[in-house]
Amino acid sequence: MLNHLQKMAQQQPQAVAVEESAGTLSYAALWQLVQETAAHLHNAGVQVAAVELPNNRAWAIAHFACVHAGIPQVPLPPFFTAEQREHA
């Protein structure tokens, strides 16, 4: 999937990758944000990421950035209790 995102960013950079009520994000913009976020996570020394985000562009960026940086991620659904989030 990450290879597909990178390929689309190169071949169809202005095509819409993410569409939501907040607006759209092109493949080029998404790929740029993924690369920047992956670099930030890597430079910060993140080894595992707990991701507690709604299903939106922020989640897509976080997910692909973790994959790009080789960082395992633990999704934290919104229905988790505080105790469950703490355990994760």
N, C-alpha and C. Protein backbone atom coordinates (compact mmCIF):
# COMPACT_ATOMS: atom_id res chain seq x y z
N MET A 1 0.82 -1.19 0.00
CA MET A 1 0.00 0.00 0.00
C MET A 1 0.87 1.26 0.00
N LEU A 2 1.95 1.24 0.78
CA LEU A 2 2.85 2.39 0.83
C LEU A 2 3.49 2.61 -0.54
N ASN A 3 3.87 1.53 -1.21
CA ASN A 3 4.45 1.66 -2.56
C ASN A 3 3.45 2.27 -3.52
N HIS A 4 2.19 1.90 -3.38
CA HIS A 4 1.14 2.46 -4.23
C HIS A 4 0.99 3.96 -3.98
N LEU A 5 1.02 4.37 -2.73
CA LEU A 5 0.92 5.78 -2.38
C LEU A 5 2.07 6.57 -3.01
N GLN A 6 3.28 6.05 -2.88
CA GLN A 6 4.44 6.72 -3.46
C GLN A 6 4.33 6.79 -4.99
N LYS A 7 3.90 5.70 -5.59
CA LYS A 7 3.74 5.65 -7.05
C LYS A 7 2.70 6.68 -7.51
N MET A 8 1.58 6.76 -6.82
CA MET A 8 0.53 7.71 -7.18
C MET A 8 1.03 9.15 -7.00
N ALA A 9 1.82 9.39 -5.97
CA ALA A 9 2.36 10.73 -5.73
C ALA A 9 3.27 11.16 -6.88
N GLN A 10 3.93 10.20 -7.49
CA GLN A 10 4.83 10.49 -8.61
C GLN A 10 4.06 10.59 -9.93
N GLN A 11 3.12 9.69 -10.15
CA GLN A 11 2.45 9.61 -11.44
C GLN A 11 1.22 10.51 -11.57
N GLN A 12 0.51 10.70 -10.47
CA GLN A 12 -0.70 11.54 -10.48
C GLN A 12 -0.71 12.42 -9.23
N PRO A 13 0.27 13.31 -9.11
CA PRO A 13 0.43 14.06 -7.86
C PRO A 13 -0.77 14.89 -7.43
N GLN A 14 -1.55 15.38 -8.37
CA GLN A 14 -2.67 16.24 -8.01
C GLN A 14 -3.98 15.47 -7.82
N ALA A 15 -3.97 14.17 -8.07
CA ALA A 15 -5.17 13.36 -7.87
C ALA A 15 -5.53 13.35 -6.39
N VAL A 16 -6.80 13.23 -6.10
CA VAL A 16 -7.28 13.24 -4.71
C VAL A 16 -7.00 11.89 -4.05
N ALA A 17 -6.27 11.95 -2.95
CA ALA A 17 -5.96 10.75 -2.17
C ALA A 17 -6.92 10.59 -1.00
N VAL A 18 -7.27 11.71 -0.37
CA VAL A 18 -8.15 11.71 0.80
C VAL A 18 -9.19 12.81 0.61
N GLU A 19 -10.44 12.44 0.82
CA GLU A 19 -11.52 13.42 0.73
C GLU A 19 -12.37 13.28 1.98
N GLU A 20 -12.56 14.40 2.67
CA GLU A 20 -13.37 14.41 3.88
C GLU A 20 -14.00 15.79 4.02
N SER A 21 -14.79 15.97 5.05
CA SER A 21 -15.49 17.25 5.22
C SER A 21 -14.52 18.43 5.37
N ALA A 22 -13.33 18.17 5.87
CA ALA A 22 -12.34 19.24 6.04
C ALA A 22 -11.67 19.62 4.73
N GLY A 23 -11.92 18.86 3.68
CA GLY A 23 -11.33 19.16 2.38
C GLY A 23 -10.66 17.93 1.79
N THR A 24 -9.84 18.18 0.78
CA THR A 24 -9.16 17.08 0.10
C THR A 24 -7.66 17.19 0.29
N LEU A 25 -7.00 16.08 0.04
CA LEU A 25 -5.55 16.02 0.13
C LEU A 25 -5.07 15.25 -1.09
N SER A 26 -4.17 15.82 -1.86
CA SER A 26 -3.66 15.15 -3.05
C SER A 26 -2.66 14.07 -2.65
N TYR A 27 -2.35 13.20 -3.60
CA TYR A 27 -1.36 12.16 -3.34
C TYR A 27 0.00 12.78 -3.04
N ALA A 28 0.36 13.83 -3.76
CA ALA A 28 1.65 14.48 -3.51
C ALA A 28 1.71 15.07 -2.11
N ALA A 29 0.65 15.75 -1.71
CA ALA A 29 0.61 16.35 -0.37
C ALA A 29 0.61 15.28 0.72
N LEU A 30 -0.15 14.22 0.50
CA LEU A 30 -0.19 13.13 1.48
C LEU A 30 1.19 12.49 1.61
N TRP A 31 1.84 12.21 0.49
CA TRP A 31 3.16 11.58 0.52
C TRP A 31 4.17 12.48 1.23
N GLN A 32 4.10 13.78 0.98
CA GLN A 32 5.00 14.72 1.64
C GLN A 32 4.79 14.70 3.16
N LEU A 33 3.54 14.74 3.59
CA LEU A 33 3.24 14.71 5.02
C LEU A 33 3.67 13.39 5.66
N VAL A 34 3.49 12.29 4.93
CA VAL A 34 3.92 10.97 5.43
C VAL A 34 5.43 10.96 5.62
N GLN A 35 6.18 11.45 4.65
CA GLN A 35 7.64 11.47 4.75
C GLN A 35 8.10 12.35 5.91
N GLU A 36 7.51 13.53 6.05
CA GLU A 36 7.88 14.44 7.13
C GLU A 36 7.58 13.84 8.49
N THR A 37 6.41 13.23 8.62
CA THR A 37 6.01 12.63 9.90
C THR A 37 6.88 11.43 10.22
N ALA A 38 7.18 10.60 9.23
CA ALA A 38 8.06 9.44 9.44
C ALA A 38 9.44 9.89 9.92
N ALA A 39 9.97 10.94 9.31
CA ALA A 39 11.28 11.46 9.72
C ALA A 39 11.23 11.98 11.15
N HIS A 40 10.15 12.67 11.49
CA HIS A 40 9.99 13.19 12.85
C HIS A 40 9.93 12.04 13.86
N LEU A 41 9.16 11.01 13.56
CA LEU A 41 9.06 9.86 14.46
C LEU A 41 10.42 9.18 14.62
N HIS A 42 11.11 9.00 13.52
CA HIS A 42 12.43 8.37 13.55
C HIS A 42 13.41 9.20 14.38
N ASN A 43 13.45 10.52 14.12
CA ASN A 43 14.37 11.41 14.84
C ASN A 43 14.05 11.49 16.32
N ALA A 44 12.79 11.30 16.67
CA ALA A 44 12.37 11.34 18.07
C ALA A 44 12.65 10.01 18.78
N GLY A 45 13.08 9.01 18.02
CA GLY A 45 13.39 7.72 18.62
C GLY A 45 12.18 6.87 18.96
N VAL A 46 11.06 7.15 18.31
CA VAL A 46 9.84 6.39 18.58
C VAL A 46 10.05 4.94 18.12
N GLN A 47 9.73 4.00 19.00
CA GLN A 47 9.89 2.58 18.68
C GLN A 47 8.56 1.88 18.47
N VAL A 48 7.51 2.36 19.14
CA VAL A 48 6.15 1.85 18.97
C VAL A 48 5.22 3.05 19.11
N ALA A 49 4.21 3.11 18.26
CA ALA A 49 3.28 4.24 18.31
C ALA A 49 1.88 3.76 18.66
N ALA A 50 1.29 4.37 19.67
CA ALA A 50 -0.12 4.15 19.98
C ALA A 50 -0.89 5.24 19.26
N VAL A 51 -1.80 4.85 18.38
CA VAL A 51 -2.51 5.81 17.53
C VAL A 51 -3.97 5.87 17.95
N GLU A 52 -4.35 7.01 18.51
CA GLU A 52 -5.73 7.23 18.94
C GLU A 52 -6.29 8.41 18.15
N LEU A 53 -6.74 8.11 16.95
CA LEU A 53 -7.25 9.14 16.05
C LEU A 53 -8.53 8.65 15.38
N PRO A 54 -9.40 9.58 15.02
CA PRO A 54 -10.58 9.18 14.24
C PRO A 54 -10.15 8.78 12.83
N ASN A 55 -11.05 8.18 12.10
CA ASN A 55 -10.76 7.72 10.74
C ASN A 55 -10.79 8.92 9.80
N ASN A 56 -9.65 9.65 9.74
CA ASN A 56 -9.57 10.83 8.90
C ASN A 56 -8.16 10.98 8.35
N ARG A 57 -7.85 12.14 7.78
CA ARG A 57 -6.53 12.33 7.17
C ARG A 57 -5.40 12.22 8.18
N ALA A 58 -5.61 12.65 9.41
CA ALA A 58 -4.57 12.54 10.43
C ALA A 58 -4.23 11.08 10.68
N TRP A 59 -5.26 10.23 10.71
CA TRP A 59 -5.02 8.80 10.90
C TRP A 59 -4.23 8.24 9.71
N ALA A 60 -4.61 8.61 8.49
CA ALA A 60 -3.91 8.11 7.30
C ALA A 60 -2.45 8.52 7.33
N ILE A 61 -2.18 9.76 7.68
CA ILE A 61 -0.80 10.24 7.76
C ILE A 61 -0.03 9.47 8.82
N ALA A 62 -0.61 9.33 10.00
CA ALA A 62 0.06 8.60 11.09
C ALA A 62 0.31 7.15 10.71
N HIS A 63 -0.69 6.51 10.14
CA HIS A 63 -0.56 5.10 9.76
C HIS A 63 0.57 4.91 8.74
N PHE A 64 0.51 5.66 7.64
CA PHE A 64 1.53 5.49 6.60
C PHE A 64 2.91 5.95 7.06
N ALA A 65 2.98 6.94 7.93
CA ALA A 65 4.27 7.38 8.46
C ALA A 65 4.90 6.28 9.31
N CYS A 66 4.10 5.63 10.12
CA CYS A 66 4.62 4.52 10.93
C CYS A 66 5.11 3.38 10.03
N VAL A 67 4.33 3.05 9.02
CA VAL A 67 4.74 2.00 8.09
C VAL A 67 6.04 2.40 7.40
N HIS A 68 6.11 3.63 6.93
CA HIS A 68 7.29 4.12 6.22
C HIS A 68 8.53 4.10 7.11
N ALA A 69 8.36 4.41 8.38
CA ALA A 69 9.48 4.45 9.33
C ALA A 69 9.77 3.08 9.95
N GLY A 70 8.94 2.08 9.64
CA GLY A 70 9.13 0.75 10.22
C GLY A 70 8.79 0.69 11.69
N ILE A 71 7.84 1.51 12.10
CA ILE A 71 7.44 1.57 13.50
C ILE A 71 6.13 0.83 13.69
N PRO A 72 6.12 -0.19 14.55
CA PRO A 72 4.84 -0.86 14.83
C PRO A 72 3.86 0.12 15.46
N GLN A 73 2.58 -0.07 15.14
CA GLN A 73 1.58 0.82 15.70
C GLN A 73 0.46 0.02 16.35
N VAL A 74 -0.06 0.60 17.41
CA VAL A 74 -1.17 0.00 18.14
C VAL A 74 -2.35 0.95 18.02
N PRO A 75 -3.38 0.57 17.25
CA PRO A 75 -4.55 1.44 17.15
C PRO A 75 -5.34 1.41 18.45
N LEU A 76 -5.74 2.57 18.90
CA LEU A 76 -6.55 2.68 20.12
C LEU A 76 -7.93 3.18 19.73
N PRO A 77 -8.91 2.28 19.67
CA PRO A 77 -10.26 2.68 19.28
C PRO A 77 -10.86 3.66 20.29
N PRO A 78 -11.75 4.53 19.83
CA PRO A 78 -12.34 5.53 20.72
C PRO A 78 -13.19 4.94 21.84
N PHE A 79 -13.63 3.70 21.66
CA PHE A 79 -14.46 3.09 22.70
C PHE A 79 -13.64 2.46 23.82
N PHE A 80 -12.30 2.45 23.70
CA PHE A 80 -11.46 1.91 24.77
C PHE A 80 -11.63 2.75 26.03
N THR A 81 -11.62 2.09 27.16
CA THR A 81 -11.67 2.80 28.43
C THR A 81 -10.27 3.35 28.72
N ALA A 82 -10.17 4.25 29.70
CA ALA A 82 -8.89 4.80 30.09
C ALA A 82 -7.95 3.68 30.52
N GLU A 83 -8.47 2.70 31.20
CA GLU A 83 -7.66 1.57 31.66
C GLU A 83 -7.11 0.77 30.47
N GLN A 84 -7.94 0.56 29.46
CA GLN A 84 -7.49 -0.16 28.28
C GLN A 84 -6.41 0.62 27.52
N ARG A 85 -6.60 1.93 27.43
CA ARG A 85 -5.59 2.76 26.75
C ARG A 85 -4.28 2.74 27.51
N GLU A 86 -4.35 2.80 28.81
CA GLU A 86 -3.15 2.78 29.65
C GLU A 86 -2.42 1.45 29.48
N HIS A 87 -3.16 0.37 29.41
CA HIS A 87 -2.56 -0.96 29.25
C HIS A 87 -1.85 -1.09 27.90
N ALA A 88 -2.43 -0.50 26.87
CA ALA A 88 -1.85 -0.59 25.53
C ALA A 88 -0.56 0.18 25.46
